[in-house]
Amino acid sequence: MAIGVNVRGELIEEELSGDRLQHFVVGGAPRQGKSQWILSAMGSLVHRYTPQQIQFICGDGKGGVTLGFLQGS
């Protein structure tokens, strides 16, 4: 899955399955699209994998503003 670009503008891709990458943190400056990226990535993964294959546990530093609507989904 493409997860971003590095400082040279090169695509960063990671395999999200298996034991190698089970957790990751999205960070950056304010108003740079972090929340939109998270929602887009989650939407893509939900359409690609079954509920038995993928699970999301999210911490929302904005107090539920970004991901609160997903609670209980």
C-alpha atoms as a PDB file:
ATOM      1  CA  MET A   1       0.000   0.000   0.000  1.00  0.00           C
ATOM      2  CA  ALA A   2       1.284   3.461  -0.816  1.00  0.00           C
ATOM      3  CA  ILE A   3       1.543   5.394   2.449  1.00  0.00           C
ATOM      4  CA  GLY A   4       3.174   8.647   1.366  1.00  0.00           C
ATOM      5  CA  VAL A   5       6.231  10.269  -0.143  1.00  0.00           C
ATOM      6  CA  ASN A   6       9.646  10.937   1.336  1.00  0.00           C
ATOM      7  CA  VAL A   7      11.496  14.281   1.353  1.00  0.00           C
ATOM      8  CA  ARG A   8      12.830  13.538  -2.162  1.00  0.00           C
ATOM      9  CA  GLY A   9       9.273  13.072  -3.454  1.00  0.00           C
ATOM     10  CA  GLU A  10       9.683   9.292  -3.863  1.00  0.00           C
ATOM     11  CA  LEU A  11       6.720   7.011  -3.183  1.00  0.00           C
ATOM     12  CA  ILE A  12       6.815   5.091   0.110  1.00  0.00           C
ATOM     13  CA  GLU A  13       5.071   1.724  -0.031  1.00  0.00           C
ATOM     14  CA  GLU A  14       4.586  -0.835   2.735  1.00  0.00           C
ATOM     15  CA  GLU A  15       3.108  -4.318   2.920  1.00  0.00           C
ATOM     16  CA  LEU A  16       0.536  -4.187   5.711  1.00  0.00           C
ATOM     17  CA  SER A  17       0.053  -7.926   6.080  1.00  0.00           C
ATOM     18  CA  GLY A  18       2.088 -10.304   8.193  1.00  0.00           C
ATOM     19  CA  ASP A  19       4.170  -9.558  11.252  1.00  0.00           C
ATOM     20  CA  ARG A  20       6.358  -6.809   9.812  1.00  0.00           C
ATOM     21  CA  LEU A  21       4.022  -3.797   9.997  1.00  0.00           C
ATOM     22  CA  GLN A  22       1.110  -4.175  12.371  1.00  0.00           C
ATOM     23  CA  HIS A  23       1.093  -0.651  13.820  1.00  0.00           C
ATOM     24  CA  PHE A  24       1.929   2.772  12.509  1.00  0.00           C
ATOM     25  CA  VAL A  25       1.566   6.420  13.470  1.00  0.00           C
ATOM     26  CA  VAL A  26       0.572   9.231  11.130  1.00  0.00           C
ATOM     27  CA  GLY A  27       2.174  12.541  12.050  1.00  0.00           C
ATOM     28  CA  GLY A  28       2.790  15.921  10.509  1.00  0.00           C
ATOM     29  CA  ALA A  29       2.073  19.617  10.610  1.00  0.00           C
ATOM     30  CA  PRO A  30      -1.470  20.933  11.163  1.00  0.00           C
ATOM     31  CA  ARG A  31      -3.820  20.976   8.165  1.00  0.00           C
ATOM     32  CA  GLN A  32      -1.636  18.754   5.975  1.00  0.00           C
ATOM     33  CA  GLY A  33      -4.225  16.033   5.263  1.00  0.00           C
ATOM     34  CA  LYS A  34      -3.437  13.450   7.953  1.00  0.00           C
ATOM     35  CA  SER A  35      -7.080  12.810   8.828  1.00  0.00           C
ATOM     36  CA  GLN A  36      -8.097  12.609   5.176  1.00  0.00           C
ATOM     37  CA  TRP A  37      -5.266  10.156   4.503  1.00  0.00           C
ATOM     38  CA  ILE A  38      -6.303   7.960   7.438  1.00  0.00           C
ATOM     39  CA  LEU A  39      -9.930   7.886   6.273  1.00  0.00           C
ATOM     40  CA  SER A  40      -8.912   7.159   2.671  1.00  0.00           C
ATOM     41  CA  ALA A  41      -6.525   4.383   3.714  1.00  0.00           C
ATOM     42  CA  MET A  42      -9.108   2.787   5.998  1.00  0.00           C
ATOM     43  CA  GLY A  43     -11.761   2.962   3.269  1.00  0.00           C
ATOM     44  CA  SER A  44      -9.435   1.315   0.775  1.00  0.00           C
ATOM     45  CA  LEU A  45      -8.516  -1.464   3.200  1.00  0.00           C
ATOM     46  CA  VAL A  46     -12.158  -2.103   4.175  1.00  0.00           C
ATOM     47  CA  HIS A  47     -13.024  -2.677   0.525  1.00  0.00           C
ATOM     48  CA  ARG A  48     -10.019  -4.953  -0.044  1.00  0.00           C
ATOM     49  CA  TYR A  49     -10.149  -7.212   3.049  1.00  0.00           C
ATOM     50  CA  THR A  50     -12.840  -9.052   5.005  1.00  0.00           C
ATOM     51  CA  PRO A  51     -13.573  -8.265   8.672  1.00  0.00           C
ATOM     52  CA  GLN A  52     -11.747 -11.490   9.552  1.00  0.00           C
ATOM     53  CA  GLN A  53      -8.603 -10.224   7.810  1.00  0.00           C
ATOM     54  CA  ILE A  54      -8.367  -6.667   9.139  1.00  0.00           C
ATOM     55  CA  GLN A  55      -9.035  -4.821  12.363  1.00  0.00           C
ATOM     56  CA  PHE A  56      -8.650  -1.146  13.244  1.00  0.00           C
ATOM     57  CA  ILE A  57      -7.938   0.242  16.692  1.00  0.00           C
ATOM     58  CA  CYS A  58      -7.672   4.013  16.480  1.00  0.00           C
ATOM     59  CA  GLY A  59      -6.638   6.715  18.913  1.00  0.00           C
ATOM     60  CA  ASP A  60      -7.954  10.145  17.982  1.00  0.00           C
ATOM     61  CA  GLY A  61      -5.955  13.017  19.438  1.00  0.00           C
ATOM     62  CA  LYS A  62      -8.719  15.456  18.509  1.00  0.00           C
ATOM     63  CA  GLY A  63     -11.133  13.855  20.960  1.00  0.00           C
ATOM     64  CA  GLY A  64     -13.220  12.032  18.370  1.00  0.00           C
ATOM     65  CA  VAL A  65     -13.559  14.872  15.886  1.00  0.00           C
ATOM     66  CA  THR A  66     -11.934  12.903  13.041  1.00  0.00           C
ATOM     67  CA  LEU A  67     -12.920   9.300  13.734  1.00  0.00           C
ATOM     68  CA  GLY A  68     -15.775   9.624  16.232  1.00  0.00           C
ATOM     69  CA  PHE A  69     -18.385   8.694  13.617  1.00  0.00           C
ATOM     70  CA  LEU A  70     -16.735   5.254  13.311  1.00  0.00           C
ATOM     71  CA  GLN A  71     -17.326   4.386  16.980  1.00  0.00           C
ATOM     72  CA  GLY A  72     -19.226   1.126  17.262  1.00  0.00           C
ATOM     73  CA  SER A  73     -18.901   0.374  13.542  1.00  0.00           C
END
